[in-house]
Amino acid sequence: MKVKILPPEDIVTVDIDKTISVKVKPSISVEIKNSNKKRIDFKMNMRKALNGDLMIFDHKDIDIIVMTEKKKVVAFAKDLMSEIVYGAESRLMEHLRRMGVIEYDSIQGGNVYGSLEGKLHEAVERDALKTTIFQISEWMRQEAPYVEATKGHDEQMEDATLNPDGDNSTELGEVPHEDEKGSIKQRGMFSPYFYGRYTY
């Protein structure tokens, strides 16, 4: 048996009784990856409601709800409605509007007092829900210095009230008891129920 290898064309010739020619073509697998894609990791205090809505509680002043069925983003006051709460809601909606997440003319007050809502755009190329969550996390990252500053201010005011320094405190000592204190008299006042009479 004679075996002859021809390198230029990769032809293997085997001579037995007959000549058999076999061409061997190398197989090359090519995997093309998108170099523009990158993994983004972030954390948020988020919970899923029974109907599938996503509730985000990271912010100090507002709670954010992403309504998956109604395609809306709604911001609610966390505790009490104030100018600070409205400012946070307005900043959130403005950020989502600039990033192209919600429709320009859909920002309005919600049916709950002190809430603000916006309607999500219809997604063409990207996942609307993932894009919305990512942009909310980006807004949270921008709000972090404000949240930390207000938290520090509240702790400082509480400490100044409960533990005042020497300049803002005084030793009262024993306060002597008096029959009458303050500006409201207990005796000698005109009685509104008995016209012309005084209380004694």
Protein backbone atom coordinates (compact mmCIF):
# COMPACT_ATOMS: atom_id res chain seq x y z
CA MET A 1 0.00 0.00 0.00
CA LYS A 2 1.33 3.40 -1.00
CA VAL A 3 0.27 6.65 0.67
CA LYS A 4 1.26 9.94 -0.82
CA ILE A 5 0.39 13.36 0.69
CA LEU A 6 0.27 16.42 -1.50
CA PRO A 7 0.48 19.48 0.82
CA PRO A 8 -0.52 22.25 -1.63
CA GLU A 9 -4.00 20.88 -2.26
CA ASP A 10 -4.37 18.66 0.83
CA ILE A 11 -5.05 15.57 -1.38
CA VAL A 12 -4.49 12.14 0.08
CA THR A 13 -3.89 9.43 -2.58
CA VAL A 14 -4.18 5.75 -1.63
CA ASP A 15 -3.06 3.12 -4.20
CA ILE A 16 -4.39 -0.42 -3.67
CA ASP A 17 -6.05 -1.80 -6.74
CA LYS A 18 -7.59 1.47 -7.67
CA THR A 19 -6.60 5.06 -7.03
CA ILE A 20 -8.85 6.94 -4.53
CA SER A 21 -8.48 10.70 -4.12
CA VAL A 22 -9.86 12.40 -1.01
CA LYS A 23 -9.87 16.14 -0.45
CA VAL A 24 -9.71 17.27 3.18
CA LYS A 25 -10.89 20.81 3.81
CA PRO A 26 -10.14 22.28 7.24
CA SER A 27 -13.23 23.53 9.14
CA ILE A 28 -12.90 26.91 10.79
CA SER A 29 -15.55 28.15 13.24
CA VAL A 30 -15.75 31.90 13.68
CA GLU A 31 -17.73 33.50 16.54
CA ILE A 32 -18.37 37.21 16.15
CA LYS A 33 -19.01 39.10 19.37
CA ASN A 34 -20.29 42.64 19.59
CA SER A 35 -17.43 44.57 21.14
CA ASN A 36 -19.79 47.47 21.95
CA LYS A 37 -21.76 45.40 24.46
CA LYS A 38 -20.77 45.60 28.10
CA ARG A 39 -22.18 44.29 31.35
CA ILE A 40 -23.70 46.86 33.71
CA ASP A 41 -24.22 45.98 37.37
CA PHE A 42 -26.24 48.08 39.81
CA LYS A 43 -28.23 47.53 42.99
CA MET A 44 -31.60 48.91 44.01
CA ASN A 45 -34.05 48.24 46.81
CA MET A 46 -36.80 46.86 44.58
CA ARG A 47 -39.80 44.60 45.11
CA LYS A 48 -42.25 42.97 42.71
CA ALA A 49 -45.98 43.38 43.34
CA LEU A 50 -48.54 40.63 42.79
CA ASN A 51 -49.56 42.08 39.43
CA GLY A 52 -45.94 42.30 38.23
CA ASP A 53 -45.36 46.01 38.91
CA LEU A 54 -41.88 46.93 40.16
CA MET A 55 -41.67 49.03 43.33
CA ILE A 56 -38.44 50.92 44.05
CA PHE A 57 -37.83 52.30 47.57
CA ASP A 58 -34.25 53.61 47.42
CA HIS A 59 -35.02 57.33 47.46
CA LYS A 60 -35.40 59.24 50.72
CA ASP A 61 -38.48 61.25 49.74
CA ILE A 62 -40.37 59.26 47.07
CA ASP A 63 -41.32 55.72 46.07
CA ILE A 64 -41.19 54.80 42.37
CA ILE A 65 -43.53 52.30 40.72
CA VAL A 66 -42.91 50.93 37.22
CA MET A 67 -46.29 49.68 35.97
CA THR A 68 -45.48 46.88 33.55
CA GLU A 69 -49.01 46.40 32.20
CA LYS A 70 -50.01 50.06 31.90
CA LYS A 71 -46.52 51.08 30.67
CA LYS A 72 -46.19 53.93 33.18
CA VAL A 73 -43.73 55.25 35.74
CA VAL A 74 -45.40 56.74 38.83
CA ALA A 75 -43.68 58.52 41.74
CA PHE A 76 -45.44 58.74 45.12
CA ALA A 77 -44.62 60.76 48.23
CA LYS A 78 -42.98 58.50 50.80
CA ASP A 79 -44.35 60.26 53.87
CA LEU A 80 -45.80 63.76 53.52
CA MET A 81 -46.28 65.84 50.39
CA SER A 82 -44.04 68.92 50.28
CA GLU A 83 -42.06 71.05 47.86
CA ILE A 84 -39.07 68.76 48.43
CA VAL A 85 -41.10 65.71 47.38
CA TYR A 86 -42.46 67.43 44.28
CA GLY A 87 -38.93 68.53 43.37
CA ALA A 88 -37.68 64.92 43.52
CA GLU A 89 -40.62 63.67 41.42
CA SER A 90 -40.09 66.43 38.88
CA ARG A 91 -36.36 65.69 38.61
CA LEU A 92 -37.08 62.00 38.03
CA MET A 93 -39.61 62.66 35.26
CA GLU A 94 -37.33 65.22 33.63
CA HIS A 95 -34.44 62.74 33.62
CA LEU A 96 -36.58 60.00 32.07
CA ARG A 97 -37.91 62.46 29.49
CA ARG A 98 -34.40 63.57 28.50
CA MET A 99 -33.24 59.96 28.19
CA GLY A 100 -36.14 59.14 25.88
CA VAL A 101 -37.86 56.71 28.25
CA ILE A 102 -41.20 58.46 28.71
CA GLU A 103 -43.31 60.48 26.30
CA TYR A 104 -42.82 64.25 26.36
CA ASP A 105 -46.48 65.19 26.76
CA SER A 106 -47.48 62.42 29.17
CA ILE A 107 -46.04 63.84 32.41
CA GLN A 108 -48.96 64.72 34.68
CA GLY A 109 -50.32 64.42 38.19
CA GLY A 110 -51.61 60.99 39.12
CA ASN A 111 -54.92 60.02 40.69
CA VAL A 112 -53.20 59.76 44.10
CA TYR A 113 -52.55 63.05 45.89
CA GLY A 114 -48.98 64.23 45.41
CA SER A 115 -48.06 61.68 42.73
CA LEU A 116 -46.52 62.35 39.31
CA GLU A 117 -46.61 59.93 36.38
CA GLY A 118 -45.34 59.50 32.83
CA LYS A 119 -46.11 57.05 30.03
CA LEU A 120 -43.35 54.85 28.60
CA HIS A 121 -42.44 55.04 24.93
CA GLU A 122 -43.16 52.06 22.72
CA ALA A 123 -39.82 50.24 22.41
CA VAL A 124 -38.46 49.56 18.92
CA GLU A 125 -34.92 48.21 19.38
CA ARG A 126 -34.41 47.83 23.14
CA ASP A 127 -36.24 46.22 26.04
CA ALA A 128 -38.40 49.02 27.48
CA LEU A 129 -38.51 47.59 31.01
CA LYS A 130 -34.75 47.03 31.30
CA THR A 131 -34.01 50.48 29.88
CA THR A 132 -36.43 52.11 32.35
CA ILE A 133 -34.92 50.32 35.35
CA PHE A 134 -31.40 51.24 34.25
CA GLN A 135 -32.27 54.93 33.78
CA ILE A 136 -33.96 55.03 37.20
CA SER A 137 -30.78 53.58 38.72
CA GLU A 138 -28.73 56.25 36.94
CA TRP A 139 -31.00 58.94 38.37
CA MET A 140 -30.62 57.38 41.82
CA ARG A 141 -26.85 57.56 41.43
CA GLN A 142 -27.11 61.28 40.59
CA GLU A 143 -29.38 61.83 43.62
CA ALA A 144 -27.01 60.07 46.05
CA PRO A 145 -25.11 63.26 47.11
CA TYR A 146 -28.41 65.05 47.83
CA VAL A 147 -29.75 62.10 49.87
CA GLU A 148 -26.53 61.85 51.89
CA ALA A 149 -26.47 65.61 52.52
CA THR A 150 -30.07 65.73 53.77
CA LYS A 151 -29.51 62.64 55.92
CA GLY A 152 -26.44 64.22 57.50
CA HIS A 153 -28.32 67.48 58.09
CA ASP A 154 -31.20 65.67 59.83
CA GLU A 155 -28.79 63.75 62.07
CA GLN A 156 -26.93 66.96 62.92
CA MET A 157 -30.16 68.78 63.84
CA GLU A 158 -31.32 65.86 65.99
CA ASP A 159 -27.98 65.75 67.78
CA ALA A 160 -28.04 69.52 68.36
CA THR A 161 -31.51 69.23 69.89
CA LEU A 162 -30.85 66.21 72.11
CA ASN A 163 -27.22 66.93 73.02
CA PRO A 164 -26.63 70.70 72.83
CA ASP A 165 -23.17 72.11 73.44
CA GLY A 166 -22.26 74.63 76.12
CA ASP A 167 -23.10 77.68 73.99
CA ASN A 168 -26.63 76.44 73.27
CA SER A 169 -27.57 75.12 76.69
CA THR A 170 -27.94 76.36 80.25
CA GLU A 171 -28.23 74.74 83.65
CA LEU A 172 -31.68 75.48 84.98
CA GLY A 173 -31.12 74.18 88.48
CA GLU A 174 -34.12 74.13 90.79
CA VAL A 175 -37.02 76.22 89.52
CA PRO A 176 -39.04 77.67 92.41
CA HIS A 177 -42.74 77.01 92.42
CA GLU A 178 -45.09 79.96 91.97
CA ASP A 179 -48.83 80.25 92.34
CA GLU A 180 -49.27 81.62 88.84
CA LYS A 181 -46.98 81.14 85.87
CA GLY A 182 -47.22 82.39 82.33
CA SER A 183 -49.63 84.92 80.85
CA ILE A 184 -52.89 82.98 81.26
CA LYS A 185 -54.52 83.78 84.57
CA GLN A 186 -56.48 81.11 86.37
CA ARG A 187 -58.53 83.52 88.45
CA GLY A 188 -60.22 86.77 87.82
CA MET A 189 -61.14 85.89 84.24
CA PHE A 190 -64.41 86.85 82.65
CA SER A 191 -66.68 83.82 82.26
CA PRO A 192 -68.28 83.62 78.82
CA TYR A 193 -71.00 81.30 80.13
CA PHE A 194 -72.20 83.59 82.91
CA TYR A 195 -72.67 87.05 81.47
CA GLY A 196 -71.44 89.68 83.87
CA ARG A 197 -69.81 87.23 86.25
CA TYR A 198 -66.21 86.45 86.99
CA THR A 199 -64.64 83.14 87.92
CA TYR A 200 -63.14 82.85 91.39
